[in-house]
Amino acid sequence: MTSMVEAEKPWANWDIFCAVIDNYGDIGVTWRLAKQLTNEYQLNVTLWVDDLKSFSHILPSLDLELASQVQHGVKINLWSKPLPVCFRCPDVIIEAFACNLPDNVVKIMHDQHQAFKNDLSVIKAPVWLNLEYLSAESWVEGCHGLPSMQNNGLNKSFYFPGFTAKTGGLICEKDVLNQRQEWQSSPHYRKQLFDKLGLKGIASNDTVISVFSYETPALLALCNLWMLSNAPVHVLIPKGRSLNSLQPLLPCSIEDLKSAQQIKHGNLTLHILPMTDQQGFDQLLWSCDFNIVRGEDSFLRAQWAAKPFIWHIYPQEDDYHLVKLDAFLDLYCSELTKDASEVYQNLNIAFNKNNRENTLQAWKNLTYAMAELSKNAKQWPINALNDADLASRLVQFVKNS
């Protein structure tokens, strides 16, 4: 329950608009942000989402029949045309990933701006932010926080998440690193999770790999390699796009696969997982030896898991995604020896270029660098946070606006 003191803060009411593009990436980021702003900063957050069905895969308790509901303290409104719920100007409005606010919302903001110009006793227009995609590229520092005057006289600022102190920071809840450390310090938690998911036959010394990727022939090549491994390899994979690459290994269509179903080939066992909420996904990443992730949200959560991972970045025109990948790898590998850095970068680049042969060779070389990569993975979250996460920097940015 928000107190009167909190409610009177001049920046207490926030609206976030999210258009679901990549099924779970955009909504994954905005949902985590909305929860953190609500729970850690006692803000009144309304999240407008245009695709509740996709959202429900990471929030199973979501009621698809309701145009407005409250989950985890966050008000969730359906974003359709026209808006089914009355829009009231908040103190802060965020359009996530350049999703373009509805025309009537912009008009209401403009009308409030005009009223404030004529009467300073009127509440001024909201702080308007465009939350951009995460990037490690150097130009982000120069663009973060830049204002952009709109044709209607409103000002919009561009907020860039990033890995350096001069950017908007990274989404990371205050307790998540401590929770992860406690989880990984006791094998009891992993066993409890695997039992809950119906995962059987996984010994404590078996290699466990989670996969949440886009389609790529490199994944099938790795699975064929893992079949011939000297020790058991367990691949935990949800029904989704990753399985499109593994059709030759499946006994039936993807639609007919069942949760907790096991598919064994040689020393490789594929375990079919149900989709899970964000906490369950975090715990899954914490419990594996290696993670293959995609997009932005799972990419960042793999970093907080403190385990080596492959980032399958969303493909872009003219292979620009490879430029973004290189920028991140340069940062992530900066403390590694030359040999370990080369192995890790080769693996990520080959996987993202769909190069089967180079991916296999890089994976084979991984054995010699794994100890160093594991040490780097544990230190990286501490370095990457730069003493402040995205939510805390975002709140401070608004206070200073």
Protein backbone atom coordinates (compact mmCIF):
# COMPACT_ATOMS: atom_id res chain seq x y z
CA MET A 1 0.00 0.00 0.00
CA THR A 2 1.55 3.30 -1.08
CA SER A 3 1.70 5.88 1.69
CA MET A 4 0.45 9.45 1.29
CA VAL A 5 4.02 10.72 1.57
CA GLU A 6 5.13 8.45 -1.27
CA ALA A 7 2.09 9.32 -3.39
CA GLU A 8 2.92 13.03 -3.09
CA LYS A 9 6.35 12.62 -4.66
CA PRO A 10 6.43 14.77 -7.83
CA TRP A 11 7.64 11.76 -9.81
CA ALA A 12 5.64 8.96 -8.18
CA ASN A 13 3.43 7.88 -11.09
CA TRP A 14 5.06 6.13 -14.04
CA ASP A 15 3.53 4.70 -17.23
CA ILE A 16 5.52 2.31 -19.44
CA PHE A 17 4.36 1.39 -22.95
CA CYS A 18 5.64 -1.85 -24.48
CA ALA A 19 4.94 -3.31 -27.92
CA VAL A 20 5.76 -7.02 -27.88
CA ILE A 21 7.99 -7.67 -30.91
CA ASP A 22 10.24 -10.63 -30.18
CA ASN A 23 7.75 -12.66 -28.13
CA TYR A 24 9.53 -12.28 -24.78
CA GLY A 25 12.50 -9.91 -25.14
CA ASP A 26 10.83 -6.49 -25.02
CA ILE A 27 8.18 -7.48 -22.51
CA GLY A 28 10.78 -9.33 -20.44
CA VAL A 29 12.83 -6.16 -19.99
CA THR A 30 9.90 -3.83 -19.30
CA TRP A 31 8.23 -6.27 -16.89
CA ARG A 32 11.40 -6.59 -14.83
CA LEU A 33 11.79 -2.81 -14.80
CA ALA A 34 8.16 -2.22 -13.79
CA LYS A 35 8.44 -4.69 -10.91
CA GLN A 36 11.70 -3.22 -9.68
CA LEU A 37 10.44 0.38 -9.76
CA THR A 38 7.36 -0.72 -7.82
CA ASN A 39 9.07 -2.94 -5.25
CA GLU A 40 12.28 -1.04 -4.61
CA TYR A 41 11.22 2.58 -5.15
CA GLN A 42 7.54 2.40 -4.13
CA LEU A 43 6.42 3.99 -7.40
CA ASN A 44 2.95 3.66 -8.88
CA VAL A 45 3.71 1.92 -12.19
CA THR A 46 1.27 1.20 -15.01
CA LEU A 47 2.52 -1.10 -17.77
CA TRP A 48 0.68 -0.86 -21.10
CA VAL A 49 1.16 -4.00 -23.23
CA ASP A 50 -0.22 -4.74 -26.70
CA ASP A 51 0.07 -8.55 -26.52
CA LEU A 52 -1.14 -10.13 -23.31
CA LYS A 53 -0.94 -13.66 -24.73
CA SER A 54 2.82 -13.50 -25.26
CA PHE A 55 3.18 -11.73 -21.92
CA SER A 56 1.36 -14.60 -20.19
CA HIS A 57 4.18 -17.02 -21.10
CA ILE A 58 6.43 -15.28 -18.57
CA LEU A 59 3.55 -14.26 -16.28
CA PRO A 60 1.23 -17.30 -16.11
CA SER A 61 -1.12 -15.62 -13.61
CA LEU A 62 -2.07 -12.96 -16.18
CA ASP A 63 -5.82 -12.91 -16.98
CA LEU A 64 -6.14 -12.50 -20.75
CA GLU A 65 -9.77 -11.42 -20.46
CA LEU A 66 -9.07 -8.31 -18.38
CA ALA A 67 -8.21 -4.95 -19.91
CA SER A 68 -6.75 -3.83 -16.58
CA GLN A 69 -5.37 -5.81 -13.64
CA VAL A 70 -2.73 -5.66 -10.93
CA GLN A 71 0.11 -8.18 -10.77
CA HIS A 72 3.02 -7.97 -8.30
CA GLY A 73 1.92 -4.45 -7.42
CA VAL A 74 2.07 -3.26 -11.04
CA LYS A 75 -1.08 -2.17 -12.88
CA ILE A 76 -1.14 -3.88 -16.28
CA ASN A 77 -3.34 -2.33 -18.97
CA LEU A 78 -4.07 -3.69 -22.42
CA TRP A 79 -2.72 -1.38 -25.11
CA SER A 80 -5.13 -1.55 -28.02
CA LYS A 81 -6.68 0.98 -30.39
CA PRO A 82 -8.57 2.74 -28.96
CA LEU A 83 -7.25 2.34 -25.42
CA PRO A 84 -9.78 0.27 -23.45
CA VAL A 85 -8.74 2.02 -20.22
CA CYS A 86 -8.81 5.74 -19.59
CA PHE A 87 -5.33 7.30 -19.81
CA ARG A 88 -4.40 9.82 -17.16
CA CYS A 89 -1.16 11.74 -17.47
CA PRO A 90 1.51 10.29 -15.16
CA ASP A 91 4.63 12.07 -13.89
CA VAL A 92 6.90 9.94 -16.06
CA ILE A 93 6.12 8.17 -19.32
CA ILE A 94 8.42 5.64 -20.97
CA GLU A 95 8.07 4.33 -24.49
CA ALA A 96 10.11 1.16 -24.54
CA PHE A 97 12.32 0.57 -27.55
CA ALA A 98 10.82 3.33 -29.74
CA CYS A 99 7.36 1.76 -29.69
CA ASN A 100 5.61 5.11 -30.54
CA LEU A 101 2.98 6.28 -28.08
CA PRO A 102 -0.68 6.34 -29.14
CA ASP A 103 -1.69 9.64 -30.79
CA ASN A 104 -4.28 10.42 -28.14
CA VAL A 105 -1.70 9.92 -25.38
CA VAL A 106 0.67 12.37 -27.04
CA LYS A 107 -2.23 14.84 -27.45
CA ILE A 108 -3.11 14.61 -23.76
CA MET A 109 0.53 15.23 -22.87
CA HIS A 110 0.65 18.19 -25.25
CA ASP A 111 -2.55 19.69 -23.83
CA GLN A 112 -1.12 19.43 -20.33
CA HIS A 113 2.10 21.05 -21.53
CA GLN A 114 0.13 23.97 -23.01
CA ALA A 115 -1.93 24.36 -19.85
CA PHE A 116 1.23 24.48 -17.74
CA LYS A 117 2.70 27.20 -19.97
CA ASN A 118 -0.39 29.32 -19.40
CA ASP A 119 -0.75 28.53 -15.69
CA LEU A 120 2.25 27.42 -13.64
CA SER A 121 -0.03 26.07 -10.94
CA VAL A 122 -1.04 23.31 -13.34
CA ILE A 123 0.97 20.09 -13.18
CA LYS A 124 3.51 20.08 -15.98
CA ALA A 125 3.67 17.47 -18.74
CA PRO A 126 5.31 14.12 -17.90
CA VAL A 127 9.01 13.46 -18.20
CA TRP A 128 9.05 11.62 -21.53
CA LEU A 129 11.72 8.96 -22.06
CA ASN A 130 12.50 6.57 -24.87
CA LEU A 131 14.12 3.49 -23.30
CA GLU A 132 16.50 2.17 -25.94
CA TYR A 133 17.94 -1.29 -26.53
CA LEU A 134 21.01 -2.36 -24.60
CA SER A 135 24.32 -1.98 -26.42
CA ALA A 136 28.00 -2.06 -25.49
CA GLU A 137 28.98 0.16 -28.42
CA SER A 138 31.10 3.18 -27.57
CA TRP A 139 28.75 5.74 -29.17
CA VAL A 140 26.08 4.97 -26.53
CA GLU A 141 27.86 7.14 -23.94
CA GLY A 142 27.55 10.21 -26.17
CA CYS A 143 23.85 9.67 -26.92
CA HIS A 144 22.59 8.65 -23.49
CA GLY A 145 20.28 11.24 -21.97
CA LEU A 146 20.16 13.50 -25.03
CA PRO A 147 16.94 15.53 -25.32
CA SER A 148 14.90 15.72 -28.51
CA MET A 149 12.40 18.54 -29.00
CA GLN A 150 9.29 17.23 -30.72
CA ASN A 151 7.27 19.15 -33.31
CA ASN A 152 4.53 19.78 -30.76
CA GLY A 153 6.91 21.40 -28.28
CA LEU A 154 7.26 18.40 -25.98
CA ASN A 155 10.70 17.20 -25.00
CA LYS A 156 11.68 13.52 -25.21
CA SER A 157 14.96 12.16 -23.85
CA PHE A 158 16.73 9.04 -25.05
CA TYR A 159 17.76 6.70 -22.30
CA PHE A 160 20.43 4.15 -23.23
CA PRO A 161 21.16 1.17 -20.99
CA GLY A 162 24.81 0.24 -21.05
CA PHE A 163 27.87 -1.25 -19.40
CA THR A 164 29.77 1.90 -18.40
CA ALA A 165 29.26 4.62 -15.79
CA LYS A 166 28.31 7.15 -18.49
CA THR A 167 25.32 5.11 -19.69
CA GLY A 168 21.92 4.22 -18.19
CA GLY A 169 23.15 1.04 -16.52
CA LEU A 170 21.77 -2.51 -16.48
CA ILE A 171 18.59 -4.00 -15.03
CA CYS A 172 19.56 -5.82 -11.86
CA GLU A 173 17.40 -6.08 -8.76
CA LYS A 174 19.13 -5.23 -5.49
CA ASP A 175 19.15 -8.77 -4.10
CA VAL A 176 19.50 -10.85 -7.25
CA LEU A 177 23.26 -11.44 -7.03
CA ASN A 178 23.00 -12.47 -3.38
CA GLN A 179 20.08 -14.76 -4.22
CA ARG A 180 22.08 -16.35 -7.01
CA GLN A 181 25.12 -16.86 -4.78
CA GLU A 182 23.00 -18.53 -2.08
CA TRP A 183 21.33 -20.74 -4.71
CA GLN A 184 24.60 -21.89 -6.21
CA SER A 185 26.19 -22.56 -2.83
CA SER A 186 23.77 -25.41 -2.12
CA PRO A 187 23.00 -28.29 -4.52
CA HIS A 188 19.66 -28.68 -2.71
CA TYR A 189 18.14 -25.78 -4.64
CA ARG A 190 19.10 -27.18 -8.03
CA LYS A 191 17.72 -30.61 -7.20
CA GLN A 192 14.50 -29.02 -5.96
CA LEU A 193 14.11 -27.09 -9.23
CA PHE A 194 14.91 -30.11 -11.41
CA ASP A 195 12.39 -32.22 -9.49
CA LYS A 196 9.76 -29.51 -9.97
CA LEU A 197 10.45 -29.49 -13.73
CA GLY A 198 10.33 -33.29 -13.93
CA LEU A 199 13.99 -33.57 -14.95
CA LYS A 200 15.30 -37.04 -14.19
CA GLY A 201 18.56 -38.88 -14.55
CA ILE A 202 20.85 -35.87 -14.07
CA ALA A 203 23.81 -36.75 -11.87
CA SER A 204 25.68 -34.08 -9.93
CA ASN A 205 28.76 -34.33 -12.16
CA ASP A 206 26.89 -34.40 -15.51
CA THR A 207 27.16 -31.39 -17.81
CA VAL A 208 23.91 -29.40 -17.89
CA ILE A 209 23.28 -26.79 -20.61
CA SER A 210 20.22 -24.57 -20.99
CA VAL A 211 19.19 -23.44 -24.49
CA PHE A 212 16.98 -20.46 -25.33
CA SER A 213 18.14 -19.45 -28.80
CA TYR A 214 16.87 -18.54 -32.24
CA GLU A 215 17.08 -21.04 -35.09
CA THR A 216 20.60 -21.95 -36.22
CA PRO A 217 22.27 -25.03 -37.74
CA ALA A 218 25.10 -24.48 -35.26
CA LEU A 219 22.85 -25.77 -32.47
CA LEU A 220 22.18 -29.05 -34.26
CA ALA A 221 25.91 -29.42 -34.89
CA LEU A 222 26.64 -28.99 -31.19
CA CYS A 223 24.00 -31.54 -30.24
CA ASN A 224 25.54 -34.04 -32.66
CA LEU A 225 28.89 -33.41 -31.00
CA TRP A 226 27.46 -33.80 -27.49
CA MET A 227 26.05 -37.22 -28.47
CA LEU A 228 29.64 -38.42 -28.76
CA SER A 229 30.77 -36.88 -25.48
CA ASN A 230 32.69 -39.06 -23.04
CA ALA A 231 30.30 -38.06 -20.24
CA PRO A 232 26.55 -37.36 -20.13
CA VAL A 233 25.34 -33.99 -21.45
CA HIS A 234 21.85 -32.77 -20.59
CA VAL A 235 20.29 -30.01 -22.69
CA LEU A 236 17.34 -28.24 -21.08
CA ILE A 237 15.23 -26.64 -23.79
CA PRO A 238 11.70 -25.14 -23.79
CA LYS A 239 9.20 -25.64 -26.57
CA GLY A 240 9.96 -22.78 -28.94
CA ARG A 241 12.25 -21.54 -31.66
CA SER A 242 15.35 -23.44 -30.57
CA LEU A 243 13.64 -26.76 -31.31
CA ASN A 244 13.07 -25.74 -34.93
CA SER A 245 16.80 -26.37 -35.43
CA LEU A 246 16.64 -29.84 -33.85
CA GLN A 247 13.87 -31.47 -35.89
CA PRO A 248 16.16 -34.37 -37.00
CA LEU A 249 16.58 -35.34 -33.33
CA LEU A 250 12.91 -35.20 -32.36
CA PRO A 251 10.60 -38.24 -32.30
CA CYS A 252 7.55 -36.15 -33.21
CA SER A 253 6.46 -32.64 -34.14
CA ILE A 254 7.33 -29.83 -31.75
CA GLU A 255 3.63 -29.37 -31.00
CA ASP A 256 3.35 -32.98 -29.82
CA LEU A 257 6.30 -32.79 -27.43
CA LYS A 258 5.41 -32.95 -23.76
CA SER A 259 6.94 -31.04 -20.83
CA ALA A 260 9.54 -33.17 -19.01
CA GLN A 261 9.83 -35.45 -22.07
CA GLN A 262 13.33 -36.86 -22.52
CA ILE A 263 14.93 -37.58 -25.89
CA LYS A 264 18.17 -39.54 -25.69
CA HIS A 265 20.83 -39.81 -28.41
CA GLY A 266 24.10 -41.38 -27.34
CA ASN A 267 25.40 -39.42 -24.35
CA LEU A 268 23.07 -36.48 -25.08
CA THR A 269 19.68 -36.15 -23.40
CA LEU A 270 17.28 -33.43 -24.48
CA HIS A 271 14.86 -32.40 -21.72
CA ILE A 272 11.74 -30.53 -22.89
CA LEU A 273 10.83 -27.72 -20.50
CA PRO A 274 7.63 -25.75 -19.97
CA MET A 275 7.81 -21.99 -20.32
CA THR A 276 8.38 -20.44 -16.91
CA ASP A 277 8.08 -17.13 -15.15
CA GLN A 278 11.10 -14.85 -14.81
CA GLN A 279 12.12 -16.08 -11.38
CA GLY A 280 12.01 -19.67 -12.60
CA PHE A 281 14.09 -18.75 -15.64
CA ASP A 282 16.71 -17.06 -13.48
CA GLN A 283 16.91 -20.14 -11.28
CA LEU A 284 17.30 -22.35 -14.34
CA LEU A 285 20.27 -20.28 -15.54
CA TRP A 286 21.81 -20.40 -12.06
CA SER A 287 21.52 -24.21 -12.08
CA CYS A 288 23.28 -24.96 -15.37
CA ASP A 289 26.95 -25.25 -16.23
CA PHE A 290 26.57 -23.35 -19.48
CA ASN A 291 23.75 -21.25 -20.95
CA ILE A 292 22.81 -20.41 -24.53
CA VAL A 293 20.55 -17.36 -24.52
CA ARG A 294 19.09 -14.89 -26.96
CA GLY A 295 17.78 -11.34 -27.28
CA GLU A 296 18.28 -8.84 -24.45
CA ASP A 297 16.51 -9.97 -21.30
CA SER A 298 17.84 -13.54 -21.19
CA PHE A 299 21.25 -12.26 -22.32
CA LEU A 300 21.50 -10.04 -19.26
CA ARG A 301 20.14 -12.70 -16.90
CA ALA A 302 22.81 -15.11 -18.16
CA GLN A 303 25.42 -12.58 -17.06
CA TRP A 304 23.93 -12.34 -13.56
CA ALA A 305 23.97 -16.17 -13.45
CA ALA A 306 27.78 -16.00 -13.38
CA LYS A 307 28.18 -18.93 -15.75
CA PRO A 308 29.80 -19.03 -19.23
CA PHE A 309 27.27 -18.51 -22.01
CA ILE A 310 26.69 -17.98 -25.71
CA TRP A 311 24.72 -14.89 -26.69
CA HIS A 312 22.59 -15.56 -29.77
CA ILE A 313 21.91 -11.97 -30.72
CA TYR A 314 18.83 -10.95 -32.72
CA PRO A 315 19.82 -10.86 -36.44
CA GLN A 316 19.78 -7.44 -38.10
CA GLU A 317 20.17 -6.16 -41.65
CA ASP A 318 23.70 -6.02 -43.08
CA ASP A 319 24.85 -8.16 -40.11
CA TYR A 320 24.89 -5.12 -37.84
CA HIS A 321 24.13 -7.45 -34.92
CA LEU A 322 27.67 -8.77 -35.27
CA VAL A 323 29.01 -5.27 -34.63
CA LYS A 324 26.99 -5.15 -31.40
CA LEU A 325 28.23 -8.64 -30.50
CA ASP A 326 31.87 -7.64 -31.05
CA ALA A 327 31.45 -4.56 -28.85
CA PHE A 328 30.13 -6.67 -25.99
CA LEU A 329 32.75 -9.37 -26.39
CA ASP A 330 35.53 -6.77 -26.25
CA LEU A 331 34.24 -5.65 -22.84
CA TYR A 332 33.39 -9.08 -21.49
CA CYS A 333 36.78 -10.55 -22.46
CA SER A 334 38.90 -7.59 -21.35
CA GLU A 335 40.20 -9.40 -18.25
CA LEU A 336 40.83 -12.74 -19.98
CA THR A 337 44.14 -14.00 -21.28
CA LYS A 338 44.60 -13.79 -25.04
CA ASP A 339 44.01 -17.53 -25.53
CA ALA A 340 40.84 -17.70 -23.43
CA SER A 341 39.49 -14.54 -25.04
CA GLU A 342 40.09 -15.94 -28.51
CA VAL A 343 38.32 -19.21 -27.69
CA TYR A 344 35.29 -17.48 -26.20
CA GLN A 345 34.97 -14.88 -28.95
CA ASN A 346 35.36 -17.50 -31.68
CA LEU A 347 32.58 -19.59 -30.14
CA ASN A 348 30.11 -16.70 -29.95
CA ILE A 349 30.93 -15.35 -33.40
CA ALA A 350 30.75 -18.77 -35.09
CA PHE A 351 27.41 -19.56 -33.43
CA ASN A 352 25.96 -16.23 -34.54
CA LYS A 353 27.25 -16.68 -38.08
CA ASN A 354 25.53 -20.10 -38.21
CA ASN A 355 28.92 -21.64 -38.96
CA ARG A 356 28.76 -25.28 -37.89
CA GLU A 357 32.40 -26.22 -38.40
CA ASN A 358 33.82 -23.19 -36.56
CA THR A 359 31.30 -23.60 -33.75
CA LEU A 360 32.35 -27.21 -33.22
CA GLN A 361 36.05 -26.37 -33.21
CA ALA A 362 35.51 -23.50 -30.78
CA TRP A 363 33.49 -25.75 -28.45
CA LYS A 364 36.24 -28.35 -28.46
CA ASN A 365 38.76 -25.64 -27.55
CA LEU A 366 36.49 -24.46 -24.74
CA THR A 367 37.69 -27.30 -22.51
CA TYR A 368 41.11 -25.71 -22.12
CA ALA A 369 39.69 -22.28 -21.22
CA MET A 370 36.70 -23.27 -19.09
CA ALA A 371 38.35 -22.68 -15.70
CA GLU A 372 39.37 -19.16 -16.67
CA LEU A 373 35.99 -18.43 -18.30
CA SER A 374 34.17 -19.58 -15.18
CA LYS A 375 36.28 -17.29 -13.00
CA ASN A 376 35.62 -14.37 -15.35
CA ALA A 377 31.89 -15.11 -15.36
CA LYS A 378 31.78 -14.79 -11.56
CA GLN A 379 33.62 -11.46 -11.50
CA TRP A 380 31.83 -9.91 -14.48
CA PRO A 381 28.51 -9.01 -12.76
CA ILE A 382 30.37 -6.97 -10.14
CA ASN A 383 32.35 -5.10 -12.79
CA ALA A 384 29.40 -4.57 -15.13
CA LEU A 385 27.12 -2.92 -12.56
CA ASN A 386 29.52 -0.01 -12.02
CA ASP A 387 28.01 0.67 -8.56
CA ALA A 388 24.54 1.47 -9.92
CA ASP A 389 21.85 -0.49 -11.74
CA LEU A 390 19.48 0.84 -14.41
CA ALA A 391 16.51 1.49 -12.12
CA SER A 392 18.51 3.58 -9.65
CA ARG A 393 20.09 5.60 -12.46
CA LEU A 394 16.72 6.01 -14.13
CA VAL A 395 15.09 7.35 -10.97
CA GLN A 396 17.97 9.76 -10.46
CA PHE A 397 17.70 10.89 -14.10
CA VAL A 398 14.03 11.69 -13.60
CA LYS A 399 14.70 13.56 -10.36
CA ASN A 400 17.22 15.72 -12.20
CA SER A 401 14.94 16.38 -15.18
